[in-house]
Structures are given as structure tokens and as C-alpha cells.
């Protein structure tokens, strides 16, 4: 499926023209001007530019590469969240962060990760705060 804003390539794609919602099953790529999304099961709302992806989900932005068991993506807010077994590669700072929940706010260059956070040594100072029971 091709539109001026993105292209969706999928083995099985169910697209509902009245609502603009698309559901895909099997290997799927969604390509925009500044991102590439891959998943094997997912949903994308073409009217609101957001989606939810499961099974081998990943999003490649210019500055971040995000992998997770499930990923929510909102293009209009420059926002993504990933749940379970997440890996975020910061391609600018050359760091790999892992955990079980993450949020990326691209417009303010912010990343939030919690639960089993692992951030190997980096050149930047990283501030983290634990709330509740560790």
C-alpha cells in the first residue's frame, strides 16, 4: 500500500478504507521519510499516524534503533514505547540500552527505560532514578 506519507509492504494486509485502519499478518515493513518499521503482526491507523506492532518488532530512526516484544508508535508526537525484552541502540552516542519498558520522545531527544535497565559504560553522564522497590 502506497501513500504520500508512507509505504506499507506486507504478506497479508487488511485495509479498511472508511476508517483508514490497517492490520497486517506476516513480515511487514512500513517506510516513512524518517523511519522504517518492521513487525510480523501489527496494526497501523493511517488517519492518526500511530500503530501497535508485535512479534519481532523494530523501529529504525536516524538516531535510534528500537527492538521489543511489542512497540507502540505515534508519528505525530514523535513518540514510541516498547515493552519486554527491549533493546535501544543510540546510533549517535554509540550506546546500547536494554530493559523491559522504554519510551522514546524524539522531539526532545529523550529516552526513558525501566525494569532491568542495563546501560554499558558510555562517555555521557547518565542520570537515573529508582522509585519504589528496586
Protein backbone atom coordinates (compact mmCIF):
# COMPACT_ATOMS: atom_id res chain seq x y z
CA UNK A 1 0.00 0.00 0.00
CA UNK A 2 1.46 3.36 -1.01
CA UNK A 3 0.53 6.83 0.22
CA UNK A 4 2.32 10.19 0.06
CA UNK A 5 3.43 9.79 3.73
CA UNK A 6 4.49 6.12 3.85
CA UNK A 7 4.55 2.76 2.11
CA UNK A 8 3.38 -0.49 3.71
CA UNK A 9 4.68 -3.81 2.37
CA UNK A 10 3.08 -6.92 3.88
CA UNK A 11 2.35 -10.55 3.05
CA UNK A 12 -1.22 -10.15 4.37
CA UNK A 13 -2.76 -6.69 4.76
CA UNK A 14 -6.36 -5.92 5.68
CA UNK A 15 -7.07 -2.24 4.98
CA UNK A 16 -10.38 -0.58 5.86
CA UNK A 17 -10.87 2.44 3.61
CA UNK A 18 -13.55 4.16 5.71
CA UNK A 19 -11.54 4.14 8.95
CA UNK A 20 -8.02 4.16 7.48
CA UNK A 21 -7.02 1.28 9.73
CA UNK A 22 -4.76 -1.48 8.51
CA UNK A 23 -3.99 -4.85 10.09
CA UNK A 24 -1.11 -7.00 8.91
CA UNK A 25 0.00 -10.57 9.43
CA UNK A 26 3.36 -11.89 8.36
CA UNK A 27 6.53 -9.96 7.59
CA UNK A 28 5.63 -6.27 7.21
CA UNK A 29 7.65 -3.12 6.51
CA UNK A 30 6.31 0.41 6.97
CA UNK A 31 8.59 3.02 5.47
CA UNK A 32 8.25 6.76 6.11
CA UNK A 33 10.58 9.66 5.31
CA UNK A 34 12.40 9.31 8.64
CA UNK A 35 11.69 5.79 9.90
CA UNK A 36 11.44 2.14 8.98
CA UNK A 37 9.20 -0.19 10.98
CA UNK A 38 9.25 -3.98 10.83
CA UNK A 39 6.96 -6.48 12.53
CA UNK A 40 5.21 -9.76 11.84
CA UNK A 41 1.84 -8.91 13.39
CA UNK A 42 0.55 -5.39 13.81
CA UNK A 43 -1.89 -2.56 13.36
CA UNK A 44 -1.49 0.91 11.84
CA UNK A 45 -4.02 3.75 11.84
CA UNK A 46 -3.29 5.73 8.69
CA UNK A 47 -5.63 8.57 9.70
CA UNK A 48 -3.89 9.25 13.03
CA UNK A 49 -0.38 8.03 12.11
CA UNK A 50 0.01 5.61 15.01
CA UNK A 51 0.35 1.87 15.34
CA UNK A 52 0.99 -1.12 17.53
CA UNK A 53 3.39 -3.86 16.50
CA UNK A 54 4.13 -7.29 17.96
CA UNK A 55 6.28 -10.28 17.08
CA UNK A 56 9.83 -9.33 16.09
CA UNK A 57 9.00 -5.62 16.22
CA UNK A 58 11.58 -2.97 15.47
CA UNK A 59 11.72 0.68 14.51
CA UNK A 60 14.73 2.28 12.88
CA UNK A 61 15.02 6.04 13.22
CA UNK A 62 18.07 8.02 12.16
CA UNK A 63 19.25 8.36 15.77
CA UNK A 64 17.72 5.26 17.44
CA UNK A 65 17.03 1.64 16.61
CA UNK A 66 14.37 0.10 18.87
CA UNK A 67 13.57 -3.61 19.27
CA UNK A 68 10.96 -5.08 21.61
CA UNK A 69 8.31 -7.74 22.03
CA UNK A 70 5.69 -5.04 21.40
CA UNK A 71 6.04 -1.45 20.25
CA UNK A 72 3.57 1.43 20.15
CA UNK A 73 4.39 4.23 17.71
CA UNK A 74 2.85 7.69 17.26
CA UNK A 75 4.35 9.55 14.31
CA UNK A 76 2.56 12.86 15.02
CA UNK A 77 4.01 13.02 18.57
CA UNK A 78 7.45 11.67 17.61
CA UNK A 79 6.89 9.06 20.31
CA UNK A 80 7.46 5.34 20.66
CA UNK A 81 7.19 2.94 23.59
CA UNK A 82 8.45 -0.63 23.75
CA UNK A 83 7.59 -3.41 26.18
CA UNK A 84 9.50 -6.56 27.17
CA UNK A 85 12.97 -7.53 26.00
CA UNK A 86 13.73 -4.09 24.64
CA UNK A 87 16.98 -3.01 23.06
CA UNK A 88 17.66 0.57 22.06
CA UNK A 89 20.73 1.39 20.03
CA UNK A 90 21.62 5.08 20.13
CA UNK A 91 23.45 5.42 16.82
CA UNK A 92 24.76 8.92 17.61
CA UNK A 93 26.26 8.18 21.06
CA UNK A 94 27.02 4.54 20.19
CA UNK A 95 25.27 3.08 23.25
CA UNK A 96 23.07 0.02 23.65
CA UNK A 97 20.43 0.13 26.38
CA UNK A 98 18.33 -2.86 27.39
CA UNK A 99 15.39 -3.25 29.74
CA UNK A 100 11.75 -4.27 29.89
CA UNK A 101 9.99 -0.96 29.24
CA UNK A 102 11.10 2.13 27.33
CA UNK A 103 9.75 5.39 25.97
CA UNK A 104 11.40 7.49 23.29
CA UNK A 105 10.47 11.14 22.81
CA UNK A 106 12.33 12.13 19.65
CA UNK A 107 11.26 15.80 19.62
CA UNK A 108 13.07 16.41 22.93
CA UNK A 109 15.77 13.75 22.38
CA UNK A 110 14.72 11.83 25.47
CA UNK A 111 14.78 8.14 26.37
CA UNK A 112 13.23 6.59 29.49
CA UNK A 113 13.93 2.96 30.38
CA UNK A 114 12.89 0.97 33.44
CA UNK A 115 12.82 -2.59 34.79
CA UNK A 116 16.07 -4.50 34.37
CA UNK A 117 17.84 -1.45 32.93
CA UNK A 118 21.31 -2.16 31.61
CA UNK A 119 23.38 0.64 30.13
CA UNK A 120 27.01 -0.28 29.50
CA UNK A 121 29.68 2.36 30.09
CA UNK A 122 29.26 5.43 27.92
CA UNK A 123 31.02 8.77 27.57
CA UNK A 124 27.93 10.72 28.54
CA UNK A 125 26.73 11.20 32.08
CA UNK A 126 23.51 9.27 32.57
CA UNK A 127 21.11 10.17 35.36
CA UNK A 128 18.77 7.50 36.59
CA UNK A 129 16.34 7.43 39.47
CA UNK A 130 14.79 4.45 41.18
CA UNK A 131 11.31 4.84 42.60
CA UNK A 132 9.62 2.28 44.74
CA UNK A 133 11.21 -1.09 45.36
CA UNK A 134 14.24 -1.85 43.18
